[in-house]
């Protein structure tokens, strides 16, 4: 993996600790867990916009360097319950993580995402 291809800065967010809202416990505000450099690959080979209902949902792929802390097989590693923000700043675009796949032998991690439109 060439460092020159890692041209996007992303942050991985996880739901914060539970907060009691007066009637029940709800997840708190998201907490930034990791910030990494990534390669944006775009739509992973299938039709981007199948119909009008999914026009706002854009699938994409981010590739990051493998890290033992982020490894999806590790305890507390990256999972589909997390979310991704690119660029890594508060007003960056939110992406829902739909798949996390290690590439090669500790080479990289592919993060399959779908853009969240609000």
PDB file of N, CA and C in Angstrom:
ATOM      1  N   UNK A   1       0.838  -1.176   0.000  1.00  0.00           N
ATOM      2  CA  UNK A   1       0.000   0.000   0.000  1.00  0.00           C
ATOM      3  C   UNK A   1       0.889   1.248   0.000  1.00  0.00           C
ATOM      4  N   UNK A   2       0.728   2.072  -0.994  1.00  0.00           N
ATOM      5  CA  UNK A   2       1.553   3.271  -1.132  1.00  0.00           C
ATOM      6  C   UNK A   2       1.019   4.394  -0.243  1.00  0.00           C
ATOM      7  N   UNK A   3       1.882   5.047   0.506  1.00  0.00           N
ATOM      8  CA  UNK A   3       1.442   6.153   1.359  1.00  0.00           C
ATOM      9  C   UNK A   3       0.806   7.299   0.577  1.00  0.00           C
ATOM     10  N   UNK A   4       1.212   7.495  -0.674  1.00  0.00           N
ATOM     11  CA  UNK A   4       0.652   8.597  -1.468  1.00  0.00           C
ATOM     12  C   UNK A   4      -0.835   8.408  -1.766  1.00  0.00           C
ATOM     13  N   UNK A   5      -1.317   7.186  -1.694  1.00  0.00           N
ATOM     14  CA  UNK A   5      -2.742   6.930  -1.953  1.00  0.00           C
ATOM     15  C   UNK A   5      -3.617   7.219  -0.741  1.00  0.00           C
ATOM     16  N   UNK A   6      -3.024   7.303   0.424  1.00  0.00           N
ATOM     17  CA  UNK A   6      -3.786   7.580   1.650  1.00  0.00           C
ATOM     18  C   UNK A   6      -3.975   9.088   1.778  1.00  0.00           C
ATOM     19  N   UNK A   7      -4.855   9.644   0.936  1.00  0.00           N
ATOM     20  CA  UNK A   7      -4.984  11.092   0.844  1.00  0.00           C
ATOM     21  C   UNK A   7      -6.197  11.671   1.569  1.00  0.00           C
ATOM     22  N   UNK A   8      -7.006  10.850   2.180  1.00  0.00           N
ATOM     23  CA  UNK A   8      -8.182  11.320   2.940  1.00  0.00           C
ATOM     24  C   UNK A   8      -7.930  11.108   4.426  1.00  0.00           C
ATOM     25  N   UNK A   9      -8.377  12.036   5.231  1.00  0.00           N
ATOM     26  CA  UNK A   9      -8.278  11.897   6.689  1.00  0.00           C
ATOM     27  C   UNK A   9      -9.666  11.540   7.201  1.00  0.00           C
ATOM     28  N   UNK A  10      -9.788  10.407   7.899  1.00  0.00           N
ATOM     29  CA  UNK A  10     -11.092   9.949   8.404  1.00  0.00           C
ATOM     30  C   UNK A  10     -11.030   9.815   9.918  1.00  0.00           C
ATOM     31  N   UNK A  11     -12.205   9.810  10.516  1.00  0.00           N
ATOM     32  CA  UNK A  11     -12.297   9.488  11.936  1.00  0.00           C
ATOM     33  C   UNK A  11     -13.394   8.454  12.127  1.00  0.00           C
ATOM     34  N   UNK A  12     -13.141   7.510  13.025  1.00  0.00           N
ATOM     35  CA  UNK A  12     -14.099   6.468  13.354  1.00  0.00           C
ATOM     36  C   UNK A  12     -14.753   6.871  14.665  1.00  0.00           C
ATOM     37  N   UNK A  13     -16.085   6.898  14.665  1.00  0.00           N
ATOM     38  CA  UNK A  13     -16.837   7.298  15.854  1.00  0.00           C
ATOM     39  C   UNK A  13     -17.629   6.119  16.385  1.00  0.00           C
ATOM     40  N   UNK A  14     -17.798   6.085  17.686  1.00  0.00           N
ATOM     41  CA  UNK A  14     -18.557   5.040  18.369  1.00  0.00           C
ATOM     42  C   UNK A  14     -19.573   5.710  19.280  1.00  0.00           C
ATOM     43  N   UNK A  15     -20.727   5.072  19.484  1.00  0.00           N
ATOM     44  CA  UNK A  15     -21.742   5.633  20.375  1.00  0.00           C
ATOM     45  C   UNK A  15     -21.153   5.855  21.753  1.00  0.00           C
ATOM     46  N   UNK A  16     -21.486   6.990  22.337  1.00  0.00           N
ATOM     47  CA  UNK A  16     -20.968   7.336  23.655  1.00  0.00           C
ATOM     48  C   UNK A  16     -21.646   6.541  24.755  1.00  0.00           C
ATOM     49  N   UNK A  17     -21.240   6.783  26.002  1.00  0.00           N
ATOM     50  CA  UNK A  17     -21.846   6.074  27.126  1.00  0.00           C
ATOM     51  C   UNK A  17     -23.333   6.399  27.247  1.00  0.00           C
ATOM     52  N   UNK A  18     -24.083   5.465  27.815  1.00  0.00           N
ATOM     53  CA  UNK A  18     -25.526   5.656  27.968  1.00  0.00           C
ATOM     54  C   UNK A  18     -25.830   6.868  28.841  1.00  0.00           C
ATOM     55  N   UNK A  19     -26.870   7.612  28.448  1.00  0.00           N
ATOM     56  CA  UNK A  19     -27.312   8.798  29.170  1.00  0.00           C
ATOM     57  C   UNK A  19     -28.793   8.618  29.471  1.00  0.00           C
ATOM     58  N   UNK A  20     -29.200   8.965  30.686  1.00  0.00           N
ATOM     59  CA  UNK A  20     -30.622   8.855  31.048  1.00  0.00           C
ATOM     60  C   UNK A  20     -31.319  10.151  30.645  1.00  0.00           C
ATOM     61  N   UNK A  21     -32.354  10.052  29.792  1.00  0.00           N
ATOM     62  CA  UNK A  21     -33.036  11.243  29.291  1.00  0.00           C
ATOM     63  C   UNK A  21     -34.308  11.572  30.063  1.00  0.00           C
ATOM     64  N   UNK A  22     -34.512  10.969  31.202  1.00  0.00           N
ATOM     65  CA  UNK A  22     -35.707  11.227  32.010  1.00  0.00           C
ATOM     66  C   UNK A  22     -36.671  10.065  31.995  1.00  0.00           C
ATOM     67  N   UNK A  23     -36.675   9.292  30.936  1.00  0.00           N
ATOM     68  CA  UNK A  23     -37.569   8.132  30.873  1.00  0.00           C
ATOM     69  C   UNK A  23     -36.819   6.837  30.600  1.00  0.00           C
ATOM     70  N   UNK A  24     -35.699   6.920  29.894  1.00  0.00           N
ATOM     71  CA  UNK A  24     -34.950   5.706  29.563  1.00  0.00           C
ATOM     72  C   UNK A  24     -33.495   6.040  29.276  1.00  0.00           C
ATOM     73  N   UNK A  25     -32.669   5.012  29.204  1.00  0.00           N
ATOM     74  CA  UNK A  25     -31.269   5.191  28.835  1.00  0.00           C
ATOM     75  C   UNK A  25     -31.133   5.197  27.318  1.00  0.00           C
ATOM     76  N   UNK A  26     -30.435   6.180  26.800  1.00  0.00           N
ATOM     77  CA  UNK A  26     -30.207   6.290  25.358  1.00  0.00           C
ATOM     78  C   UNK A  26     -28.710   6.465  25.128  1.00  0.00           C
ATOM     79  N   UNK A  27     -28.206   6.086  23.946  1.00  0.00           N
ATOM     80  CA  UNK A  27     -26.778   6.282  23.671  1.00  0.00           C
ATOM     81  C   UNK A  27     -26.421   7.765  23.709  1.00  0.00           C
ATOM     82  N   UNK A  28     -25.280   8.060  24.282  1.00  0.00           N
ATOM     83  CA  UNK A  28     -24.809   9.438  24.358  1.00  0.00           C
ATOM     84  C   UNK A  28     -24.251   9.905  23.031  1.00  0.00           C
ATOM     85  N   UNK A  29     -23.728  11.120  22.999  1.00  0.00           N
ATOM     86  CA  UNK A  29     -23.152  11.629  21.746  1.00  0.00           C
ATOM     87  C   UNK A  29     -21.963  10.772  21.316  1.00  0.00           C
ATOM     88  N   UNK A  30     -21.729  10.668  20.006  1.00  0.00           N
ATOM     89  CA  UNK A  30     -20.635   9.833  19.511  1.00  0.00           C
ATOM     90  C   UNK A  30     -19.277  10.324  20.012  1.00  0.00           C
ATOM     91  N   UNK A  31     -18.393   9.366  20.209  1.00  0.00           N
ATOM     92  CA  UNK A  31     -17.041   9.640  20.679  1.00  0.00           C
ATOM     93  C   UNK A  31     -16.072   9.240  19.568  1.00  0.00           C
ATOM     94  N   UNK A  32     -15.099  10.102  19.283  1.00  0.00           N
ATOM     95  CA  UNK A  32     -14.090   9.779  18.281  1.00  0.00           C
ATOM     96  C   UNK A  32     -13.138   8.749  18.877  1.00  0.00           C
ATOM     97  N   UNK A  33     -13.038   7.589  18.219  1.00  0.00           N
ATOM     98  CA  UNK A  33     -12.207   6.502  18.716  1.00  0.00           C
ATOM     99  C   UNK A  33     -10.845   6.502  18.026  1.00  0.00           C
ATOM    100  N   UNK A  34     -10.837   6.644  16.688  1.00  0.00           N
ATOM    101  CA  UNK A  34      -9.586   6.638  15.924  1.00  0.00           C
ATOM    102  C   UNK A  34      -9.645   7.684  14.834  1.00  0.00           C
ATOM    103  N   UNK A  35      -8.488   8.227  14.496  1.00  0.00           N
ATOM    104  CA  UNK A  35      -8.320   9.072  13.309  1.00  0.00           C
ATOM    105  C   UNK A  35      -7.212   8.436  12.489  1.00  0.00           C
ATOM    106  N   UNK A  36      -7.462   8.245  11.211  1.00  0.00           N
ATOM    107  CA  UNK A  36      -6.497   7.593  10.338  1.00  0.00           C
ATOM    108  C   UNK A  36      -6.513   8.239   8.952  1.00  0.00           C
ATOM    109  N   UNK A  37      -5.459   7.996   8.191  1.00  0.00           N
ATOM    110  CA  UNK A  37      -5.412   8.362   6.775  1.00  0.00           C
ATOM    111  C   UNK A  37      -5.976   7.194   5.977  1.00  0.00           C
ATOM    112  N   UNK A  38      -6.719   7.502   4.924  1.00  0.00           N
ATOM    113  CA  UNK A  38      -7.390   6.451   4.160  1.00  0.00           C
ATOM    114  C   UNK A  38      -7.370   6.762   2.672  1.00  0.00           C
ATOM    115  N   UNK A  39      -7.610   5.720   1.895  1.00  0.00           N
ATOM    116  CA  UNK A  39      -7.774   5.846   0.451  1.00  0.00           C
ATOM    117  C   UNK A  39      -9.259   5.692   0.154  1.00  0.00           C
ATOM    118  N   UNK A  40      -9.843   6.653  -0.569  1.00  0.00           N
ATOM    119  CA  UNK A  40     -11.249   6.578  -0.964  1.00  0.00           C
ATOM    120  C   UNK A  40     -11.324   5.872  -2.299  1.00  0.00           C
ATOM    121  N   UNK A  41     -12.103   4.781  -2.371  1.00  0.00           N
ATOM    122  CA  UNK A  41     -12.162   3.980  -3.592  1.00  0.00           C
ATOM    123  C   UNK A  41     -13.470   4.194  -4.350  1.00  0.00           C
ATOM    124  N   UNK A  42     -14.475   4.732  -3.729  1.00  0.00           N
ATOM    125  CA  UNK A  42     -15.723   4.988  -4.439  1.00  0.00           C
ATOM    126  C   UNK A  42     -16.605   3.770  -4.473  1.00  0.00           C
ATOM    127  N   UNK A  43     -17.486   3.700  -5.441  1.00  0.00           N
ATOM    128  CA  UNK A  43     -18.435   2.601  -5.542  1.00  0.00           C
ATOM    129  C   UNK A  43     -17.718   1.298  -5.870  1.00  0.00           C
ATOM    130  N   UNK A  44     -17.941   0.252  -5.066  1.00  0.00           N
ATOM    131  CA  UNK A  44     -17.210  -1.003  -5.273  1.00  0.00           C
ATOM    132  C   UNK A  44     -17.791  -1.902  -6.356  1.00  0.00           C
ATOM    133  N   UNK A  45     -17.929  -1.418  -7.580  1.00  0.00           N
ATOM    134  CA  UNK A  45     -18.229  -2.268  -8.713  1.00  0.00           C
ATOM    135  C   UNK A  45     -19.664  -2.632  -8.997  1.00  0.00           C
ATOM    136  N   UNK A  46     -20.620  -2.091  -8.302  1.00  0.00           N
ATOM    137  CA  UNK A  46     -22.013  -2.368  -8.664  1.00  0.00           C
ATOM    138  C   UNK A  46     -22.704  -1.052  -9.008  1.00  0.00           C
ATOM    139  N   UNK A  47     -23.916  -1.139  -9.515  1.00  0.00           N
ATOM    140  CA  UNK A  47     -24.604   0.068  -9.937  1.00  0.00           C
ATOM    141  C   UNK A  47     -24.805   0.998  -8.755  1.00  0.00           C
ATOM    142  N   UNK A  48     -24.402   2.244  -8.927  1.00  0.00           N
ATOM    143  CA  UNK A  48     -24.445   3.185  -7.809  1.00  0.00           C
ATOM    144  C   UNK A  48     -25.862   3.554  -7.413  1.00  0.00           C
ATOM    145  N   UNK A  49     -26.681   3.899  -8.377  1.00  0.00           N
ATOM    146  CA  UNK A  49     -28.039   4.358  -8.090  1.00  0.00           C
ATOM    147  C   UNK A  49     -29.024   3.441  -8.803  1.00  0.00           C
ATOM    148  N   UNK A  50     -29.563   2.482  -8.095  1.00  0.00           N
ATOM    149  CA  UNK A  50     -30.458   1.508  -8.714  1.00  0.00           C
ATOM    150  C   UNK A  50     -31.811   2.137  -9.021  1.00  0.00           C
ATOM    151  N   UNK A  51     -32.321   2.977  -8.140  1.00  0.00           N
ATOM    152  CA  UNK A  51     -33.601   3.629  -8.375  1.00  0.00           C
ATOM    153  C   UNK A  51     -33.690   4.892  -7.530  1.00  0.00           C
ATOM    154  N   UNK A  52     -34.792   5.585  -7.619  1.00  0.00           N
ATOM    155  CA  UNK A  52     -34.945   6.869  -6.934  1.00  0.00           C
ATOM    156  C   UNK A  52     -34.920   6.734  -5.418  1.00  0.00           C
ATOM    157  N   UNK A  53     -35.366   5.590  -4.892  1.00  0.00           N
ATOM    158  CA  UNK A  53     -35.393   5.425  -3.436  1.00  0.00           C
ATOM    159  C   UNK A  53     -33.993   5.360  -2.840  1.00  0.00           C
ATOM    160  N   UNK A  54     -33.028   4.872  -3.603  1.00  0.00           N
ATOM    161  CA  UNK A  54     -31.671   4.739  -3.073  1.00  0.00           C
ATOM    162  C   UNK A  54     -30.723   5.783  -3.647  1.00  0.00           C
ATOM    163  N   UNK A  55     -31.257   6.820  -4.273  1.00  0.00           N
ATOM    164  CA  UNK A  55     -30.403   7.829  -4.892  1.00  0.00           C
ATOM    165  C   UNK A  55     -29.531   8.546  -3.870  1.00  0.00           C
ATOM    166  N   UNK A  56     -30.002   8.654  -2.649  1.00  0.00           N
ATOM    167  CA  UNK A  56     -29.236   9.363  -1.623  1.00  0.00           C
ATOM    168  C   UNK A  56     -28.242   8.451  -0.917  1.00  0.00           C
ATOM    169  N   UNK A  57     -28.331   7.149  -1.139  1.00  0.00           N
ATOM    170  CA  UNK A  57     -27.423   6.205  -0.486  1.00  0.00           C
ATOM    171  C   UNK A  57     -26.310   5.828  -1.447  1.00  0.00           C
ATOM    172  N   UNK A  58     -25.122   6.373  -1.215  1.00  0.00           N
ATOM    173  CA  UNK A  58     -24.003   6.103  -2.109  1.00  0.00           C
ATOM    174  C   UNK A  58     -23.033   5.132  -1.451  1.00  0.00           C
ATOM    175  N   UNK A  59     -22.882   3.925  -1.996  1.00  0.00           N
ATOM    176  CA  UNK A  59     -21.909   2.992  -1.432  1.00  0.00           C
ATOM    177  C   UNK A  59     -20.488   3.409  -1.808  1.00  0.00           C
ATOM    178  N   UNK A  60     -19.563   3.117  -0.931  1.00  0.00           N
ATOM    179  CA  UNK A  60     -18.152   3.449  -1.191  1.00  0.00           C
ATOM    180  C   UNK A  60     -17.271   2.526  -0.372  1.00  0.00           C
ATOM    181  N   UNK A  61     -15.982   2.676  -0.564  1.00  0.00           N
ATOM    182  CA  UNK A  61     -15.011   1.859   0.141  1.00  0.00           C
ATOM    183  C   UNK A  61     -13.849   2.748   0.567  1.00  0.00           C
ATOM    184  N   UNK A  62     -13.462   2.635   1.828  1.00  0.00           N
ATOM    185  CA  UNK A  62     -12.275   3.315   2.340  1.00  0.00           C
ATOM    186  C   UNK A  62     -11.272   2.234   2.708  1.00  0.00           C
ATOM    187  N   UNK A  63     -10.014   2.426   2.334  1.00  0.00           N
ATOM    188  CA  UNK A  63      -8.966   1.461   2.673  1.00  0.00           C
ATOM    189  C   UNK A  63      -7.970   2.156   3.599  1.00  0.00           C
ATOM    190  N   UNK A  64      -7.714   1.531   4.756  1.00  0.00           N
ATOM    191  CA  UNK A  64      -6.760   2.071   5.719  1.00  0.00           C
ATOM    192  C   UNK A  64      -5.668   1.035   5.966  1.00  0.00           C
ATOM    193  N   UNK A  65      -4.551   1.490   6.507  1.00  0.00           N
ATOM    194  CA  UNK A  65      -3.482   0.558   6.882  1.00  0.00           C
ATOM    195  C   UNK A  65      -3.966  -0.322   8.026  1.00  0.00           C
ATOM    196  N   UNK A  66      -3.516  -1.560   8.039  1.00  0.00           N
ATOM    197  CA  UNK A  66      -3.862  -2.485   9.104  1.00  0.00           C
ATOM    198  C   UNK A  66      -3.226  -1.999  10.405  1.00  0.00           C
ATOM    199  N   UNK A  67      -3.988  -2.099  11.494  1.00  0.00           N
ATOM    200  CA  UNK A  67      -3.511  -1.712  12.822  1.00  0.00           C
ATOM    201  C   UNK A  67      -4.124  -2.691  13.815  1.00  0.00           C
ATOM    202  N   UNK A  68      -3.331  -3.156  14.760  1.00  0.00           N
ATOM    203  CA  UNK A  68      -3.830  -4.158  15.714  1.00  0.00           C
ATOM    204  C   UNK A  68      -4.987  -3.620  16.556  1.00  0.00           C
ATOM    205  N   UNK A  69      -5.052  -2.297  16.760  1.00  0.00           N
ATOM    206  CA  UNK A  69      -6.148  -1.707  17.550  1.00  0.00           C
ATOM    207  C   UNK A  69      -7.449  -1.664  16.769  1.00  0.00           C
ATOM    208  N   UNK A  70      -7.353  -1.525  15.455  1.00  0.00           N
ATOM    209  CA  UNK A  70      -8.541  -1.406  14.610  1.00  0.00           C
ATOM    210  C   UNK A  70      -8.959  -2.743  14.029  1.00  0.00           C
ATOM    211  N   UNK A  71      -8.110  -3.754  14.101  1.00  0.00           N
ATOM    212  CA  UNK A  71      -8.387  -5.066  13.521  1.00  0.00           C
ATOM    213  C   UNK A  71      -9.790  -5.538  13.908  1.00  0.00           C
ATOM    214  N   UNK A  72     -10.653  -5.861  12.920  1.00  0.00           N
ATOM    215  CA  UNK A  72     -12.023  -6.267  13.223  1.00  0.00           C
ATOM    216  C   UNK A  72     -12.120  -7.563  14.028  1.00  0.00           C
ATOM    217  N   UNK A  73     -11.055  -8.374  14.036  1.00  0.00           N
ATOM    218  CA  UNK A  73     -11.075  -9.617  14.804  1.00  0.00           C
ATOM    219  C   UNK A  73     -10.643  -9.400  16.251  1.00  0.00           C
ATOM    220  N   UNK A  74     -10.144  -8.220  16.587  1.00  0.00           N
ATOM    221  CA  UNK A  74      -9.688  -7.929  17.948  1.00  0.00           C
ATOM    222  C   UNK A  74     -10.859  -7.463  18.814  1.00  0.00           C
ATOM    223  N   UNK A  75     -10.734  -7.656  20.102  1.00  0.00           N
ATOM    224  CA  UNK A  75     -11.755  -7.172  21.039  1.00  0.00           C
ATOM    225  C   UNK A  75     -11.736  -5.645  21.017  1.00  0.00           C
ATOM    226  N   UNK A  76     -12.887  -5.036  20.824  1.00  0.00           N
ATOM    227  CA  UNK A  76     -12.967  -3.580  20.758  1.00  0.00           C
ATOM    228  C   UNK A  76     -12.510  -3.004  19.443  1.00  0.00           C
ATOM    229  N   UNK A  77     -12.294  -3.850  18.440  1.00  0.00           N
ATOM    230  CA  UNK A  77     -11.859  -3.384  17.124  1.00  0.00           C
ATOM    231  C   UNK A  77     -13.006  -2.768  16.341  1.00  0.00           C
ATOM    232  N   UNK A  78     -12.720  -2.399  15.117  1.00  0.00           N
ATOM    233  CA  UNK A  78     -13.687  -1.768  14.236  1.00  0.00           C
ATOM    234  C   UNK A  78     -14.833  -2.729  13.926  1.00  0.00           C
ATOM    235  N   UNK A  79     -16.067  -2.225  13.956  1.00  0.00           N
ATOM    236  CA  UNK A  79     -17.231  -3.066  13.659  1.00  0.00           C
ATOM    237  C   UNK A  79     -18.284  -2.249  12.917  1.00  0.00           C
ATOM    238  N   UNK A  80     -19.345  -2.913  12.493  1.00  0.00           N
ATOM    239  CA  UNK A  80     -20.416  -2.235  11.765  1.00  0.00           C
ATOM    240  C   UNK A  80     -21.276  -1.368  12.688  1.00  0.00           C
ATOM    241  N   UNK A  81     -21.059  -1.446  13.985  1.00  0.00           N
ATOM    242  CA  UNK A  81     -21.785  -0.581  14.918  1.00  0.00           C
ATOM    243  C   UNK A  81     -21.163   0.808  14.998  1.00  0.00           C
ATOM    244  N   UNK A  82     -19.952   0.968  14.460  1.00  0.00           N
ATOM    245  CA  UNK A  82     -19.286   2.267  14.443  1.00  0.00           C
ATOM    246  C   UNK A  82     -19.731   3.042  13.213  1.00  0.00           C
ATOM    247  N   UNK A  83     -19.297   4.279  13.115  1.00  0.00           N
ATOM    248  CA  UNK A  83     -19.557   5.080  11.920  1.00  0.00           C
ATOM    249  C   UNK A  83     -18.300   5.839  11.563  1.00  0.00           C
ATOM    250  N   UNK A  84     -18.245   6.314  10.327  1.00  0.00           N
ATOM    251  CA  UNK A  84     -17.050   6.956   9.793  1.00  0.00           C
ATOM    252  C   UNK A  84     -17.400   8.382   9.393  1.00  0.00           C
ATOM    253  N   UNK A  85     -16.481   9.301   9.598  1.00  0.00           N
ATOM    254  CA  UNK A  85     -16.659  10.691   9.181  1.00  0.00           C
ATOM    255  C   UNK A  85     -15.461  11.096   8.328  1.00  0.00           C
ATOM    256  N   UNK A  86     -15.759  11.637   7.151  1.00  0.00           N
ATOM    257  CA  UNK A  86     -14.696  12.074   6.238  1.00  0.00           C
ATOM    258  C   UNK A  86     -15.106  13.409   5.624  1.00  0.00           C
ATOM    259  N   UNK A  87     -14.303  14.421   5.676  1.00  0.00           N
ATOM    260  CA  UNK A  87     -13.024  14.536   6.349  1.00  0.00           C
ATOM    261  C   UNK A  87     -13.183  14.526   7.864  1.00  0.00           C
ATOM    262  N   UNK A  88     -12.066  14.302   8.555  1.00  0.00           N
ATOM    263  CA  UNK A  88     -12.083  14.124  10.005  1.00  0.00           C
ATOM    264  C   UNK A  88     -12.220  15.461  10.718  1.00  0.00           C
ATOM    265  N   UNK A  89     -13.407  16.018  10.659  1.00  0.00           N
ATOM    266  CA  UNK A  89     -13.720  17.249  11.383  1.00  0.00           C
ATOM    267  C   UNK A  89     -15.212  17.244  11.688  1.00  0.00           C
ATOM    268  N   UNK A  90     -15.684  18.066  12.613  1.00  0.00           N
ATOM    269  CA  UNK A  90     -17.092  17.999  13.034  1.00  0.00           C
ATOM    270  C   UNK A  90     -18.113  18.176  11.911  1.00  0.00           C
ATOM    271  N   UNK A  91     -17.778  18.913  10.856  1.00  0.00           N
ATOM    272  CA  UNK A  91     -18.738  19.108   9.763  1.00  0.00           C
ATOM    273  C   UNK A  91     -18.505  18.153   8.600  1.00  0.00           C
ATOM    274  N   UNK A  92     -17.694  17.110   8.800  1.00  0.00           N
ATOM    275  CA  UNK A  92     -17.426  16.132   7.747  1.00  0.00           C
ATOM    276  C   UNK A  92     -18.647  15.269   7.440  1.00  0.00           C
ATOM    277  N   UNK A  93     -18.650  14.639   6.279  1.00  0.00           N
ATOM    278  CA  UNK A  93     -19.760  13.787   5.839  1.00  0.00           C
ATOM    279  C   UNK A  93     -19.785  12.487   6.638  1.00  0.00           C
ATOM    280  N   UNK A  94     -20.968  12.089   7.104  1.00  0.00           N
ATOM    281  CA  UNK A  94     -21.122  10.845   7.861  1.00  0.00           C
ATOM    282  C   UNK A  94     -21.347   9.671   6.925  1.00  0.00           C
ATOM    283  N   UNK A  95     -20.731   8.539   7.265  1.00  0.00           N
ATOM    284  CA  UNK A  95     -20.870   7.297   6.511  1.00  0.00           C
ATOM    285  C   UNK A  95     -21.200   6.180   7.493  1.00  0.00           C
ATOM    286  N   UNK A  96     -22.174   5.352   7.153  1.00  0.00           N
ATOM    287  CA  UNK A  96     -22.517   4.175   7.954  1.00  0.00           C
ATOM    288  C   UNK A  96     -21.640   3.009   7.500  1.00  0.00           C
ATOM    289  N   UNK A  97     -21.007   2.336   8.439  1.00  0.00           N
ATOM    290  CA  UNK A  97     -20.141   1.204   8.104  1.00  0.00           C
ATOM    291  C   UNK A  97     -20.999  -0.043   7.914  1.00  0.00           C
ATOM    292  N   UNK A  98     -20.880  -0.678   6.749  1.00  0.00           N
ATOM    293  CA  UNK A  98     -21.670  -1.879   6.453  1.00  0.00           C
ATOM    294  C   UNK A  98     -20.818  -3.139   6.388  1.00  0.00           C
ATOM    295  N   UNK A  99     -19.496  -2.992   6.212  1.00  0.00           N
ATOM    296  CA  UNK A  99     -18.615  -4.160   6.214  1.00  0.00           C
ATOM    297  C   UNK A  99     -17.195  -3.733   6.577  1.00  0.00           C
ATOM    298  N   UNK A 100     -16.494  -4.652   7.241  1.00  0.00           N
ATOM    299  CA  UNK A 100     -15.092  -4.436   7.608  1.00  0.00           C
ATOM    300  C   UNK A 100     -14.346  -5.712   7.229  1.00  0.00           C
ATOM    301  N   UNK A 101     -13.428  -5.612   6.269  1.00  0.00           N
ATOM    302  CA  UNK A 101     -12.752  -6.791   5.738  1.00  0.00           C
ATOM    303  C   UNK A 101     -11.238  -6.575   5.750  1.00  0.00           C
ATOM    304  N   UNK A 102     -10.493  -7.428   6.464  1.00  0.00           N
ATOM    305  CA  UNK A 102      -9.031  -7.352   6.388  1.00  0.00           C
ATOM    306  C   UNK A 102      -8.552  -7.764   4.999  1.00  0.00           C
ATOM    307  N   UNK A 103      -7.497  -7.105   4.504  1.00  0.00           N
ATOM    308  CA  UNK A 103      -6.934  -7.396   3.182  1.00  0.00           C
ATOM    309  C   UNK A 103      -5.536  -7.961   3.370  1.00  0.00           C
ATOM    310  N   UNK A 104      -5.297  -9.134   2.818  1.00  0.00           N
ATOM    311  CA  UNK A 104      -3.976  -9.743   2.910  1.00  0.00           C
ATOM    312  C   UNK A 104      -3.614 -10.121   4.341  1.00  0.00           C
ATOM    313  N   UNK A 105      -2.335 -10.300   4.558  1.00  0.00           N
ATOM    314  CA  UNK A 105      -1.836 -10.625   5.896  1.00  0.00           C
ATOM    315  C   UNK A 105      -1.396  -9.351   6.579  1.00  0.00           C
ATOM    316  N   UNK A 106      -2.294  -8.761   7.298  1.00  0.00           N
ATOM    317  CA  UNK A 106      -2.036  -7.524   8.035  1.00  0.00           C
ATOM    318  C   UNK A 106      -1.506  -6.425   7.121  1.00  0.00           C
ATOM    319  N   UNK A 107      -2.108  -6.314   5.939  1.00  0.00           N
ATOM    320  CA  UNK A 107      -1.753  -5.270   4.979  1.00  0.00           C
ATOM    321  C   UNK A 107      -2.631  -4.039   5.148  1.00  0.00           C
ATOM    322  N   UNK A 108      -3.938  -4.265   5.008  1.00  0.00           N
ATOM    323  CA  UNK A 108      -4.890  -3.157   5.023  1.00  0.00           C
ATOM    324  C   UNK A 108      -6.238  -3.659   5.526  1.00  0.00           C
ATOM    325  N   UNK A 109      -7.143  -2.721   5.739  1.00  0.00           N
ATOM    326  CA  UNK A 109      -8.517  -3.034   6.129  1.00  0.00           C
ATOM    327  C   UNK A 109      -9.429  -2.251   5.193  1.00  0.00           C
ATOM    328  N   UNK A 110     -10.339  -2.955   4.521  1.00  0.00           N
ATOM    329  CA  UNK A 110     -11.335  -2.312   3.673  1.00  0.00           C
ATOM    330  C   UNK A 110     -12.584  -2.064   4.497  1.00  0.00           C
ATOM    331  N   UNK A 111     -13.057  -0.826   4.475  1.00  0.00           N
ATOM    332  CA  UNK A 111     -14.262  -0.453   5.215  1.00  0.00           C
ATOM    333  C   UNK A 111     -15.333  -0.108   4.191  1.00  0.00           C
ATOM    334  N   UNK A 112     -16.342  -0.969   4.069  1.00  0.00           N
ATOM    335  CA  UNK A 112     -17.463  -0.713   3.173  1.00  0.00           C
ATOM    336  C   UNK A 112     -18.438   0.209   3.874  1.00  0.00           C
ATOM    337  N   UNK A 113     -18.838   1.285   3.196  1.00  0.00           N
ATOM    338  CA  UNK A 113     -19.697   2.296   3.827  1.00  0.00           C
ATOM    339  C   UNK A 113     -20.819   2.714   2.882  1.00  0.00           C
ATOM    340  N   UNK A 114     -21.834   3.332   3.484  1.00  0.00           N
ATOM    341  CA  UNK A 114     -22.925   3.960   2.745  1.00  0.00           C
ATOM    342  C   UNK A 114     -23.116   5.337   3.341  1.00  0.00           C
ATOM    343  N   UNK A 115     -23.202   6.344   2.489  1.00  0.00           N
ATOM    344  CA  UNK A 115     -23.313   7.726   2.967  1.00  0.00           C
ATOM    345  C   UNK A 115     -24.640   7.953   3.677  1.00  0.00           C
ATOM    346  N   UNK A 116     -24.580   8.648   4.797  1.00  0.00           N
ATOM    347  CA  UNK A 116     -25.775   9.009   5.561  1.00  0.00           C
ATOM    348  C   UNK A 116     -26.172  10.418   5.158  1.00  0.00           C
ATOM    349  N   UNK A 117     -27.375  10.576   4.619  1.00  0.00           N
ATOM    350  CA  UNK A 117     -27.846  11.884   4.193  1.00  0.00           C
ATOM    351  C   UNK A 117     -28.893  12.360   5.195  1.00  0.00           C
ATOM    352  N   UNK A 118     -28.651  13.546   5.743  1.00  0.00           N
ATOM    353  CA  UNK A 118     -29.598  14.093   6.725  1.00  0.00           C
ATOM    354  C   UNK A 118     -30.011  15.477   6.335  1.00  0.00           C
TER     355      UNK A 118
END
